[in-house]
C-alpha atoms as a PDB file:
ATOM      1  CA  UNK A   1     -25.065  26.800  68.017  1.00  0.00           C
ATOM      2  CA  UNK A   2     -21.722  28.296  66.968  1.00  0.00           C
ATOM      3  CA  UNK A   3     -21.625  31.078  64.403  1.00  0.00           C
ATOM      4  CA  UNK A   4     -20.657  30.098  60.857  1.00  0.00           C
ATOM      5  CA  UNK A   5     -16.960  30.297  60.094  1.00  0.00           C
ATOM      6  CA  UNK A   6     -15.591  32.801  57.565  1.00  0.00           C
ATOM      7  CA  UNK A   7     -15.048  31.335  54.115  1.00  0.00           C
ATOM      8  CA  UNK A   8     -12.190  31.565  51.647  1.00  0.00           C
ATOM      9  CA  UNK A   9     -12.118  30.215  48.094  1.00  0.00           C
ATOM     10  CA  UNK A  10      -8.923  28.873  46.544  1.00  0.00           C
ATOM     11  CA  UNK A  11      -7.781  27.216  43.324  1.00  0.00           C
ATOM     12  CA  UNK A  12      -5.022  24.721  42.653  1.00  0.00           C
ATOM     13  CA  UNK A  13      -2.001  26.285  40.939  1.00  0.00           C
ATOM     14  CA  UNK A  14       0.759  24.825  38.815  1.00  0.00           C
ATOM     15  CA  UNK A  15       2.753  28.051  38.641  1.00  0.00           C
ATOM     16  CA  UNK A  16       5.679  28.100  41.078  1.00  0.00           C
ATOM     17  CA  UNK A  17       8.999  29.874  41.603  1.00  0.00           C
ATOM     18  CA  UNK A  18       9.588  33.323  40.153  1.00  0.00           C
ATOM     19  CA  UNK A  19       6.609  32.966  37.806  1.00  0.00           C
ATOM     20  CA  UNK A  20       4.238  33.600  40.731  1.00  0.00           C
ATOM     21  CA  UNK A  21       4.963  37.318  40.230  1.00  0.00           C
ATOM     22  CA  UNK A  22       2.557  37.140  37.311  1.00  0.00           C
ATOM     23  CA  UNK A  23      -0.111  35.704  39.606  1.00  0.00           C
ATOM     24  CA  UNK A  24       0.306  38.614  41.990  1.00  0.00           C
ATOM     25  CA  UNK A  25      -0.011  41.136  39.163  1.00  0.00           C
ATOM     26  CA  UNK A  26      -3.263  39.417  38.212  1.00  0.00           C
ATOM     27  CA  UNK A  27      -4.624  39.875  41.757  1.00  0.00           C
ATOM     28  CA  UNK A  28      -3.968  36.306  42.912  1.00  0.00           C
ATOM     29  CA  UNK A  29      -1.993  35.442  46.035  1.00  0.00           C
ATOM     30  CA  UNK A  30       0.183  32.292  46.104  1.00  0.00           C
ATOM     31  CA  UNK A  31      -0.625  29.985  49.014  1.00  0.00           C
ATOM     32  CA  UNK A  32       0.048  26.485  50.261  1.00  0.00           C
ATOM     33  CA  UNK A  33      -2.115  24.245  52.436  1.00  0.00           C
ATOM     34  CA  UNK A  34      -0.718  21.420  54.559  1.00  0.00           C
ATOM     35  CA  UNK A  35      -1.445  19.593  57.778  1.00  0.00           C
ATOM     36  CA  UNK A  36      -1.450  16.294  59.657  1.00  0.00           C
ATOM     37  CA  UNK A  37      -2.275  13.492  57.199  1.00  0.00           C
ATOM     38  CA  UNK A  38      -3.062  16.140  54.565  1.00  0.00           C
ATOM     39  CA  UNK A  39      -0.925  16.232  51.408  1.00  0.00           C
ATOM     40  CA  UNK A  40       0.611  19.645  50.762  1.00  0.00           C
ATOM     41  CA  UNK A  41      -0.981  21.516  47.859  1.00  0.00           C
ATOM     42  CA  UNK A  42      -0.077  24.719  46.015  1.00  0.00           C
ATOM     43  CA  UNK A  43      -2.998  27.144  45.793  1.00  0.00           C
ATOM     44  CA  UNK A  44      -3.872  30.657  44.747  1.00  0.00           C
ATOM     45  CA  UNK A  45      -6.451  32.893  46.412  1.00  0.00           C
ATOM     46  CA  UNK A  46      -7.942  36.256  45.575  1.00  0.00           C
ATOM     47  CA  UNK A  47      -5.673  38.903  47.139  1.00  0.00           C
ATOM     48  CA  UNK A  48      -8.514  41.339  47.866  1.00  0.00           C
ATOM     49  CA  UNK A  49     -10.647  38.631  49.499  1.00  0.00           C
ATOM     50  CA  UNK A  50      -7.762  37.552  51.707  1.00  0.00           C
ATOM     51  CA  UNK A  51      -6.892  41.089  52.850  1.00  0.00           C
ATOM     52  CA  UNK A  52     -10.565  41.756  53.624  1.00  0.00           C
ATOM     53  CA  UNK A  53     -10.712  38.546  55.657  1.00  0.00           C
ATOM     54  CA  UNK A  54      -7.574  39.474  57.620  1.00  0.00           C
ATOM     55  CA  UNK A  55      -9.109  42.807  58.602  1.00  0.00           C
ATOM     56  CA  UNK A  56     -12.289  41.120  59.826  1.00  0.00           C
ATOM     57  CA  UNK A  57     -10.893  38.225  61.871  1.00  0.00           C
ATOM     58  CA  UNK A  58      -8.100  37.931  64.405  1.00  0.00           C
ATOM     59  CA  UNK A  59      -5.425  35.344  65.007  1.00  0.00           C
ATOM     60  CA  UNK A  60      -6.333  31.686  65.565  1.00  0.00           C
ATOM     61  CA  UNK A  61      -9.695  31.985  63.809  1.00  0.00           C
ATOM     62  CA  UNK A  62     -10.829  28.916  61.909  1.00  0.00           C
ATOM     63  CA  UNK A  63     -11.595  29.498  58.228  1.00  0.00           C
ATOM     64  CA  UNK A  64     -13.559  27.249  55.889  1.00  0.00           C
ATOM     65  CA  UNK A  65     -11.319  26.803  52.839  1.00  0.00           C
ATOM     66  CA  UNK A  66     -12.942  25.603  49.618  1.00  0.00           C
ATOM     67  CA  UNK A  67     -10.523  24.423  46.913  1.00  0.00           C
ATOM     68  CA  UNK A  68     -11.847  24.419  43.345  1.00  0.00           C
ATOM     69  CA  UNK A  69     -15.412  24.551  44.656  1.00  0.00           C
ATOM     70  CA  UNK A  70     -15.083  21.370  46.706  1.00  0.00           C
ATOM     71  CA  UNK A  71     -16.379  20.785  50.234  1.00  0.00           C
ATOM     72  CA  UNK A  72     -14.810  23.306  52.646  1.00  0.00           C
ATOM     73  CA  UNK A  73     -12.216  22.166  55.175  1.00  0.00           C
ATOM     74  CA  UNK A  74     -11.246  24.040  58.350  1.00  0.00           C
ATOM     75  CA  UNK A  75      -7.862  25.768  58.249  1.00  0.00           C
ATOM     76  CA  UNK A  76      -5.863  28.308  60.202  1.00  0.00           C
ATOM     77  CA  UNK A  77      -3.706  31.046  58.711  1.00  0.00           C
ATOM     78  CA  UNK A  78      -0.346  29.711  59.872  1.00  0.00           C
ATOM     79  CA  UNK A  79       1.906  32.352  58.339  1.00  0.00           C
ATOM     80  CA  UNK A  80       1.886  35.326  55.970  1.00  0.00           C
ATOM     81  CA  UNK A  81       4.955  36.591  54.113  1.00  0.00           C
ATOM     82  CA  UNK A  82       4.779  40.400  53.887  1.00  0.00           C
ATOM     83  CA  UNK A  83       6.568  42.745  51.474  1.00  0.00           C
ATOM     84  CA  UNK A  84       9.041  44.791  53.565  1.00  0.00           C
ATOM     85  CA  UNK A  85       8.194  48.118  51.875  1.00  0.00           C
ATOM     86  CA  UNK A  86       4.527  48.290  50.914  1.00  0.00           C
ATOM     87  CA  UNK A  87       3.389  45.628  53.454  1.00  0.00           C
ATOM     88  CA  UNK A  88       1.414  43.689  50.860  1.00  0.00           C
ATOM     89  CA  UNK A  89       0.990  39.932  51.462  1.00  0.00           C
ATOM     90  CA  UNK A  90       3.262  37.874  49.216  1.00  0.00           C
ATOM     91  CA  UNK A  91       2.495  34.309  50.292  1.00  0.00           C
ATOM     92  CA  UNK A  92       0.176  32.527  52.711  1.00  0.00           C
ATOM     93  CA  UNK A  93       0.602  29.278  54.646  1.00  0.00           C
ATOM     94  CA  UNK A  94      -2.667  27.563  55.570  1.00  0.00           C
ATOM     95  CA  UNK A  95      -2.783  24.786  58.163  1.00  0.00           C
ATOM     96  CA  UNK A  96      -5.486  22.148  57.695  1.00  0.00           C
ATOM     97  CA  UNK A  97      -6.773  21.009  61.091  1.00  0.00           C
ATOM     98  CA  UNK A  98      -8.715  18.135  62.586  1.00  0.00           C
ATOM     99  CA  UNK A  99     -11.449  19.316  64.906  1.00  0.00           C
ATOM    100  CA  UNK A 100     -10.701  16.474  67.352  1.00  0.00           C
ATOM    101  CA  UNK A 101      -6.956  17.173  67.633  1.00  0.00           C
ATOM    102  CA  UNK A 102      -5.534  19.848  69.923  1.00  0.00           C
ATOM    103  CA  UNK A 103      -3.255  22.543  68.527  1.00  0.00           C
ATOM    104  CA  UNK A 104      -0.492  24.583  70.127  1.00  0.00           C
ATOM    105  CA  UNK A 105      -0.550  28.277  69.233  1.00  0.00           C
ATOM    106  CA  UNK A 106       0.626  31.667  70.530  1.00  0.00           C
ATOM    107  CA  UNK A 107      -2.168  33.936  71.724  1.00  0.00           C
ATOM    108  CA  UNK A 108      -1.817  37.753  71.924  1.00  0.00           C
ATOM    109  CA  UNK A 109      -2.237  39.430  75.326  1.00  0.00           C
ATOM    110  CA  UNK A 110      -4.403  42.573  75.519  1.00  0.00           C
ATOM    111  CA  UNK A 111      -4.148  44.948  78.531  1.00  0.00           C
ATOM    112  CA  UNK A 112      -7.326  46.653  79.783  1.00  0.00           C
ATOM    113  CA  UNK A 113      -8.105  49.232  82.451  1.00  0.00           C
ATOM    114  CA  UNK A 114      -5.903  51.973  83.921  1.00  0.00           C
ATOM    115  CA  UNK A 115      -2.737  51.700  85.982  1.00  0.00           C
ATOM    116  CA  UNK A 116      -2.161  54.215  88.785  1.00  0.00           C
ATOM    117  CA  UNK A 117       1.564  54.056  88.123  1.00  0.00           C
ATOM    118  CA  UNK A 118       0.870  55.429  84.644  1.00  0.00           C
ATOM    119  CA  UNK A 119      -1.934  57.911  85.329  1.00  0.00           C
ATOM    120  CA  UNK A 120      -0.603  59.440  88.564  1.00  0.00           C
ATOM    121  CA  UNK A 121       3.121  58.688  88.496  1.00  0.00           C
ATOM    122  CA  UNK A 122       3.776  59.238  84.788  1.00  0.00           C
ATOM    123  CA  UNK A 123       5.252  55.794  84.153  1.00  0.00           C
ATOM    124  CA  UNK A 124       5.355  53.791  80.928  1.00  0.00           C
ATOM    125  CA  UNK A 125       3.699  50.379  80.519  1.00  0.00           C
ATOM    126  CA  UNK A 126       5.948  47.668  79.076  1.00  0.00           C
ATOM    127  CA  UNK A 127       5.113  44.135  77.996  1.00  0.00           C
ATOM    128  CA  UNK A 128       8.032  41.724  78.513  1.00  0.00           C
ATOM    129  CA  UNK A 129       5.679  38.971  77.351  1.00  0.00           C
ATOM    130  CA  UNK A 130       3.189  39.961  74.626  1.00  0.00           C
ATOM    131  CA  UNK A 131       1.891  36.451  73.862  1.00  0.00           C
ATOM    132  CA  UNK A 132       1.403  33.186  75.699  1.00  0.00           C
ATOM    133  CA  UNK A 133       1.483  29.652  74.318  1.00  0.00           C
ATOM    134  CA  UNK A 134      -1.633  27.531  74.776  1.00  0.00           C
ATOM    135  CA  UNK A 135      -2.998  24.151  73.728  1.00  0.00           C
ATOM    136  CA  UNK A 136      -6.646  23.604  72.837  1.00  0.00           C
ATOM    137  CA  UNK A 137      -9.005  22.099  70.290  1.00  0.00           C
ATOM    138  CA  UNK A 138      -9.223  24.162  67.082  1.00  0.00           C
ATOM    139  CA  UNK A 139     -12.641  25.616  67.871  1.00  0.00           C
ATOM    140  CA  UNK A 140     -11.589  26.495  71.442  1.00  0.00           C
ATOM    141  CA  UNK A 141      -8.504  28.519  70.575  1.00  0.00           C
ATOM    142  CA  UNK A 142      -8.772  32.034  72.038  1.00  0.00           C
ATOM    143  CA  UNK A 143      -8.136  34.924  69.657  1.00  0.00           C
ATOM    144  CA  UNK A 144      -6.695  36.977  72.539  1.00  0.00           C
ATOM    145  CA  UNK A 145      -6.486  36.954  76.319  1.00  0.00           C
ATOM    146  CA  UNK A 146      -7.320  40.174  78.158  1.00  0.00           C
ATOM    147  CA  UNK A 147      -5.882  41.151  81.543  1.00  0.00           C
ATOM    148  CA  UNK A 148      -6.503  44.099  83.880  1.00  0.00           C
ATOM    149  CA  UNK A 149      -3.564  46.427  84.628  1.00  0.00           C
ATOM    150  CA  UNK A 150      -5.233  48.303  87.521  1.00  0.00           C
ATOM    151  CA  UNK A 151      -3.079  46.373  90.006  1.00  0.00           C
ATOM    152  CA  UNK A 152      -0.005  48.274  88.759  1.00  0.00           C
ATOM    153  CA  UNK A 153      -0.154  50.963  91.437  1.00  0.00           C
ATOM    154  CA  UNK A 154       3.591  51.644  91.630  1.00  0.00           C
ATOM    155  CA  UNK A 155       6.864  50.818  89.882  1.00  0.00           C
ATOM    156  CA  UNK A 156       7.415  47.667  91.949  1.00  0.00           C
ATOM    157  CA  UNK A 157       4.135  46.025  90.939  1.00  0.00           C
ATOM    158  CA  UNK A 158       4.144  43.399  88.172  1.00  0.00           C
ATOM    159  CA  UNK A 159       1.632  41.066  86.551  1.00  0.00           C
ATOM    160  CA  UNK A 160       2.596  37.422  85.970  1.00  0.00           C
ATOM    161  CA  UNK A 161       1.296  34.801  83.565  1.00  0.00           C
ATOM    162  CA  UNK A 162      -0.224  33.017  86.563  1.00  0.00           C
ATOM    163  CA  UNK A 163      -2.697  35.894  86.980  1.00  0.00           C
ATOM    164  CA  UNK A 164      -4.277  35.416  83.547  1.00  0.00           C
ATOM    165  CA  UNK A 165      -7.869  34.198  83.327  1.00  0.00           C
ATOM    166  CA  UNK A 166      -7.636  31.293  80.883  1.00  0.00           C
ATOM    167  CA  UNK A 167     -10.733  29.340  79.755  1.00  0.00           C
ATOM    168  CA  UNK A 168     -11.133  25.928  81.366  1.00  0.00           C
ATOM    169  CA  UNK A 169     -10.821  24.095  78.053  1.00  0.00           C
ATOM    170  CA  UNK A 170      -7.498  25.819  77.244  1.00  0.00           C
ATOM    171  CA  UNK A 171      -4.161  24.599  78.650  1.00  0.00           C
ATOM    172  CA  UNK A 172      -1.585  27.296  79.371  1.00  0.00           C
ATOM    173  CA  UNK A 173       1.936  26.200  78.375  1.00  0.00           C
ATOM    174  CA  UNK A 174       3.947  29.375  79.112  1.00  0.00           C
ATOM    175  CA  UNK A 175       5.802  29.456  82.440  1.00  0.00           C
ATOM    176  CA  UNK A 176       3.436  30.979  84.993  1.00  0.00           C
ATOM    177  CA  UNK A 177       6.304  32.927  86.579  1.00  0.00           C
ATOM    178  CA  UNK A 178       6.897  35.004  83.441  1.00  0.00           C
ATOM    179  CA  UNK A 179       6.148  38.736  83.774  1.00  0.00           C
ATOM    180  CA  UNK A 180       3.640  40.034  81.253  1.00  0.00           C
ATOM    181  CA  UNK A 181       3.387  43.683  82.347  1.00  0.00           C
ATOM    182  CA  UNK A 182       5.033  46.295  84.555  1.00  0.00           C
ATOM    183  CA  UNK A 183       5.420  50.078  84.629  1.00  0.00           C
ATOM    184  CA  UNK A 184       8.754  51.816  84.276  1.00  0.00           C
ATOM    185  CA  UNK A 185       9.349  55.168  86.035  1.00  0.00           C
ATOM    186  CA  UNK A 186       9.682  58.289  83.874  1.00  0.00           C
ATOM    187  CA  UNK A 187      13.146  59.150  82.660  1.00  0.00           C
ATOM    188  CA  UNK A 188      14.711  62.167  84.441  1.00  0.00           C
ATOM    189  CA  UNK A 189      17.176  64.078  82.302  1.00  0.00           C
ATOM    190  CA  UNK A 190      20.231  65.237  84.252  1.00  0.00           C
ATOM    191  CA  UNK A 191      21.130  68.929  83.837  1.00  0.00           C
ATOM    192  CA  UNK A 192      24.920  69.410  83.643  1.00  0.00           C
ATOM    193  CA  UNK A 193      26.312  71.392  86.586  1.00  0.00           C
ATOM    194  CA  UNK A 194      28.702  74.215  85.640  1.00  0.00           C
ATOM    195  CA  UNK A 195      31.111  75.237  88.407  1.00  0.00           C
ATOM    196  CA  UNK A 196      30.967  78.926  89.230  1.00  0.00           C
ATOM    197  CA  UNK A 197      34.290  80.862  89.020  1.00  0.00           C
ATOM    198  CA  UNK A 198      34.762  84.032  91.082  1.00  0.00           C
ATOM    199  CA  UNK A 199      34.975  87.192  88.958  1.00  0.00           C
ATOM    200  CA  UNK A 200      38.641  87.914  89.793  1.00  0.00           C
ATOM    201  CA  UNK A 201      39.766  84.369  88.983  1.00  0.00           C
ATOM    202  CA  UNK A 202      37.713  84.426  85.759  1.00  0.00           C
ATOM    203  CA  UNK A 203      39.656  87.512  84.513  1.00  0.00           C
ATOM    204  CA  UNK A 204      43.009  86.001  85.450  1.00  0.00           C
ATOM    205  CA  UNK A 205      42.140  82.733  83.637  1.00  0.00           C
ATOM    206  CA  UNK A 206      41.162  84.661  80.478  1.00  0.00           C
ATOM    207  CA  UNK A 207      44.428  86.647  80.548  1.00  0.00           C
ATOM    208  CA  UNK A 208      46.484  83.467  80.983  1.00  0.00           C
ATOM    209  CA  UNK A 209      44.704  81.814  78.024  1.00  0.00           C
ATOM    210  CA  UNK A 210      45.344  84.874  75.805  1.00  0.00           C
ATOM    211  CA  UNK A 211      49.045  84.944  76.750  1.00  0.00           C
ATOM    212  CA  UNK A 212      49.455  81.230  76.059  1.00  0.00           C
ATOM    213  CA  UNK A 213      47.805  81.633  72.664  1.00  0.00           C
ATOM    214  CA  UNK A 214      50.101  84.487  71.631  1.00  0.00           C
ATOM    215  CA  UNK A 215      53.220  82.551  72.624  1.00  0.00           C
ATOM    216  CA  UNK A 216      52.112  79.479  70.710  1.00  0.00           C
ATOM    217  CA  UNK A 217      51.415  81.476  67.534  1.00  0.00           C
ATOM    218  CA  UNK A 218      54.598  83.567  67.376  1.00  0.00           C
ATOM    219  CA  UNK A 219      57.202  81.166  68.793  1.00  0.00           C
ATOM    220  CA  UNK A 220      60.225  82.397  70.788  1.00  0.00           C
ATOM    221  CA  UNK A 221      61.105  86.148  70.292  1.00  0.00           C
ATOM    222  CA  UNK A 222      63.927  86.730  67.825  1.00  0.00           C
ATOM    223  CA  UNK A 223      64.157  83.119  66.669  1.00  0.00           C
ATOM    224  CA  UNK A 224      65.214  82.611  63.042  1.00  0.00           C
ATOM    225  CA  UNK A 225      63.451  79.990  60.931  1.00  0.00           C
ATOM    226  CA  UNK A 226      65.545  76.890  60.392  1.00  0.00           C
ATOM    227  CA  UNK A 227      66.699  76.097  56.844  1.00  0.00           C
ATOM    228  CA  UNK A 228      65.995  72.720  55.198  1.00  0.00           C
ATOM    229  CA  UNK A 229      69.472  72.836  53.617  1.00  0.00           C
ATOM    230  CA  UNK A 230      72.845  72.561  55.294  1.00  0.00           C
ATOM    231  CA  UNK A 231      75.120  75.698  55.291  1.00  0.00           C
END
């Protein structure tokens, strides 16, 4: 028997546009729910409850949404608008799902283990592909896909999408040839090379520079300054 889904209560809202700022000040978060054969509806949810829920569950987790105390319906958090400064949620998109219809979502990739190219060679792990796209029934969507990086023994080794262990009831849609991880070699800073000048030549060069500077400052000996006016 599957574990009960997390729950979220919502209420219909008539307030839209710039007036939703008042909702936020009152601790309510504007939201909208929509989906296949489901009419779009404007909602508000408790901001604290939503932020607590986000900390407890990962991506692609089904949530039982109850609107105005009615029978819950399964939804996914499809998008969250975030304030650019204080990172507070400003708006939430909720996707109503049918449990018998497959969905296409992006799933985060999580590296595990240790790579010899990092531990012994001092390299840096990079992730050219941090998510993969999959298709599955709503209750079969993986929250994340883990992969072992211990095969990265040198800077030539890479891990491809094809090497991921994907559940049998999940269809992988991302190109299997895509690279998901590799290790870059450490950066070596080049030290500038200063050419050595023999002591005798160094003294001659300094004398020549001093003589050139004196000539440039004083001009030609005995020269009279030119007048701006004609004689």
